[in-house]
Amino acid sequence: MKRRLISSALTLAVLGAGYYGFQLQYPAAKTARVCSGMLPVDPVLSLAGKSKLSLLGLGFHVSSRQFDVSSDVTEPPGLATTCDVDGVVLSIETASGAHNAYGFYSFQRDQDSFPVPLDAGWQGFMVTDEDEATTSVLLSCRNWTPEEGSGILVVGESPYGSEPTKAVRLDLARTVTGAAQRAAEKTGCATEPGNSGKLTPPAAEAATVRASDATGTCKGMTSVTKVRETAAGTSPAEECLLVGGLQLAAAYGPFSDASKAVVDGKYGGHDTPSGTDEYTAWTSATCQGALGIGYYRASPVEGSNREFTSDALTKEERADLEHFAEQSAARHGCGAPAALPS
């Protein structure tokens, strides 16, 4: 009898261990373990086309890897990492050490692919095209110096080739914001995140309106009759197209720093707080936390033959760039932008 009981117990233990091992291969379990547990399981699985209750883990691939960052920044354990959950790709790193700030966004140069701000208190944006959507979220960490990272940046993309429907856009926004909040909790970042539960799907594209009717990023522009804009929020990247005129853009923190990677400098790739060269007229402002420097520029629309000179802007265009910069800086809690050179 005693031998029979021991044998039964061993059998149950083996079966239990096998069942537990099988559970670990569920898509939900795989997703929960990847990237040190920083991913919100439900929206990630939804993006990947899997139910949380799915038991079919065969062919459901997940991976994560850490990458090197600048020697000037000390990344907390678990950050500077990239995760891939069956085509849902995220990068989680510090703001100061960011390698991937423009990893997705910089290639979206179609005039219809504007950075659309997230809502519900988040400092982030989404860019959408016909094949995928990408989202970036920036959190400032009050207890981190620039050498410790300043804040957390999470960048994510939906699986390539999947139509970025309203449901996909909402799942992606919840995925990236959820990962940012979990990363902050894991690393002890003192921050004020938004509310992922109150997020709404970002618009798929910008809107063209009469300049006098603009209420978003192009509010108050006067140098043209039509503008293309998005809602105005606290996105770390913003754009306003003056139709038939110039492209206005604002960039903060790692997005401003990403611009300077092309040309050494402090202000979006420039050595001075404001100025004009053959490509761009710019100004800048000092901001708090991970926002760092706010960089505001006006440049010819891609494909136009216009060249900038020392008197690149008309009086009206100059006023529009100044107004665009002032409005954006105020929304982000930054100081007044530097005066443009006369």
Foldseek 3Di string as FASTA:
>chain_A
DVVVVVVVVVVVVVVVVVVVVLVCLALQNVVCPPLNRLWDRQLVCVLLVHHNPDSDNVPFDKDKDADDWDPLADWFPSANMWIAGNQKIKHKTFLLGDPCPCVPVVVPQDPFFWFAAWDQAWAKTKTADQFKIKIKTWWAFPPDDSNHRLTMIMIIMGHGRDGCDQSNQLSNLLGRLSSRVSVCVVRVGHTDHGDSVPIGRTDHGWDKDFLPPDDALSPPADPAGIKTAHHHANYQKGWIGRVVFKIKIKHFASRLVVQLVVAPDDGSVDPDQFEDDFFWGKHWWAADTRRGIMIMIIGHRPPDPQTADRCRDDPSVLVSSQVSQQVNCVNRVTDRIDDHDD
